[in-house]
Protein backbone atom coordinates (compact mmCIF):
# COMPACT_ATOMS: atom_id res chain seq x y z
CA MET A 1 54.40 85.32 95.77
CA MET A 2 55.85 83.08 98.38
CA VAL A 3 58.13 84.18 101.15
CA ILE A 4 61.07 81.88 101.73
CA GLY A 5 63.60 82.94 104.41
CA GLY A 6 62.47 86.50 104.35
CA ASN A 7 62.92 86.77 100.57
CA ARG A 8 60.00 87.09 98.19
CA VAL A 9 60.04 84.45 95.42
CA ALA A 10 57.66 84.56 92.52
CA ARG A 11 55.80 81.29 91.81
CA ALA A 12 56.78 79.67 88.51
CA GLY A 13 54.01 79.27 85.88
CA LEU A 14 50.98 81.11 84.95
CA SER A 15 48.16 81.75 87.38
CA LEU A 16 45.10 81.48 85.20
CA ARG A 17 41.66 80.85 86.65
CA PRO A 18 40.08 77.68 85.32
CA LEU A 19 37.16 79.27 83.42
CA PRO A 20 39.15 81.74 81.37
CA ALA A 21 41.74 79.10 80.63
CA SER A 22 39.15 76.62 79.43
CA VAL A 23 37.48 79.34 77.25
CA LEU A 24 40.90 80.16 75.79
CA LEU A 25 41.63 76.53 75.03
CA LEU A 26 38.21 76.09 73.50
CA ALA A 27 38.59 79.11 71.36
CA ALA A 28 42.08 77.96 70.23
CA GLY A 29 40.67 74.49 69.33
CA VAL A 30 37.72 75.86 67.37
CA GLY A 31 39.96 78.42 65.57
CA SER A 32 42.47 75.63 64.68
CA ILE A 33 39.65 73.51 63.20
CA ILE A 34 38.33 76.46 61.14
CA LEU A 35 41.86 77.29 60.00
CA ILE A 36 42.47 73.67 58.90
CA VAL A 37 39.16 73.55 57.03
CA LEU A 38 39.84 76.90 55.25
CA LEU A 39 43.34 75.89 54.25
CA SER A 40 42.03 72.49 52.91
CA LEU A 41 39.43 74.36 50.86
CA ALA A 42 42.13 76.69 49.57
CA VAL A 43 44.26 73.77 48.45
CA VAL A 44 41.42 72.28 46.25
CA PRO A 45 41.61 74.90 43.48
CA VAL A 46 45.42 74.79 43.42
CA LEU A 47 45.36 71.04 43.02
CA LEU A 48 42.69 71.22 40.36
CA GLY A 49 44.64 73.86 38.48
CA ALA A 50 47.80 71.81 38.73
CA GLY A 51 45.93 68.77 37.37
CA LEU A 52 44.43 70.70 34.51
CA LEU A 53 47.88 72.05 33.59
CA PHE A 54 49.44 68.60 33.78
CA GLY A 55 46.66 67.23 31.58
CA PHE A 56 47.07 70.05 29.08
CA LEU A 57 50.84 69.47 28.85
CA VAL A 58 50.40 65.72 28.39
CA GLY A 59 47.72 66.23 25.80
CA THR A 60 49.84 68.79 23.86
CA ALA A 61 52.82 66.43 23.91
CA LEU A 62 50.64 63.51 22.65
CA PHE A 63 49.00 65.72 20.01
CA GLY A 64 52.45 66.92 18.73
CA TRP A 65 53.84 63.38 18.69
CA ALA A 66 50.83 62.13 16.72
CA GLY A 67 51.12 65.04 14.31
CA ILE A 68 54.76 64.25 13.65
CA GLU A 69 53.91 60.54 13.19
CA GLY A 70 51.12 61.39 10.85
CA LEU A 71 53.40 63.65 8.73
CA ALA A 72 55.96 60.87 8.66
CA ALA A 73 53.35 58.36 7.46
CA LEU A 74 52.17 60.86 4.78
CA GLU A 75 55.72 61.29 3.64
CA ARG A 76 56.24 57.50 3.33
CA TRP A 77 52.96 57.14 1.47
CA ILE A 78 53.92 59.86 -1.07
CA GLU A 79 57.28 58.34 -1.63
CA SER A 80 55.86 54.88 -2.28
CA ASP A 81 52.72 55.78 -4.25
CA PRO A 82 53.19 55.44 -8.03
CA ARG A 83 51.05 58.49 -8.74
CA PHE A 84 53.76 60.72 -7.25
CA GLN A 85 56.66 59.01 -9.02
CA ARG A 86 57.82 61.07 -11.98
């Protein structure tokens, strides 16, 4: 506290000693690095799962489209083959 004109005025800001402040900053830095690494590792399975789901959906769509095209080709072949004309 400072005394100005007989009035006590509190100093603005924190009054931390240098060693505890540096230990606090070091711990915050290490903690943030660990947190970033853990969050990055947690994102990997999510992205892998999303990629597998996307691949499954694309494969299902292509398989369905190929099946429909195959049935259409079979229908055209049956209509044009003389063995099936009666």
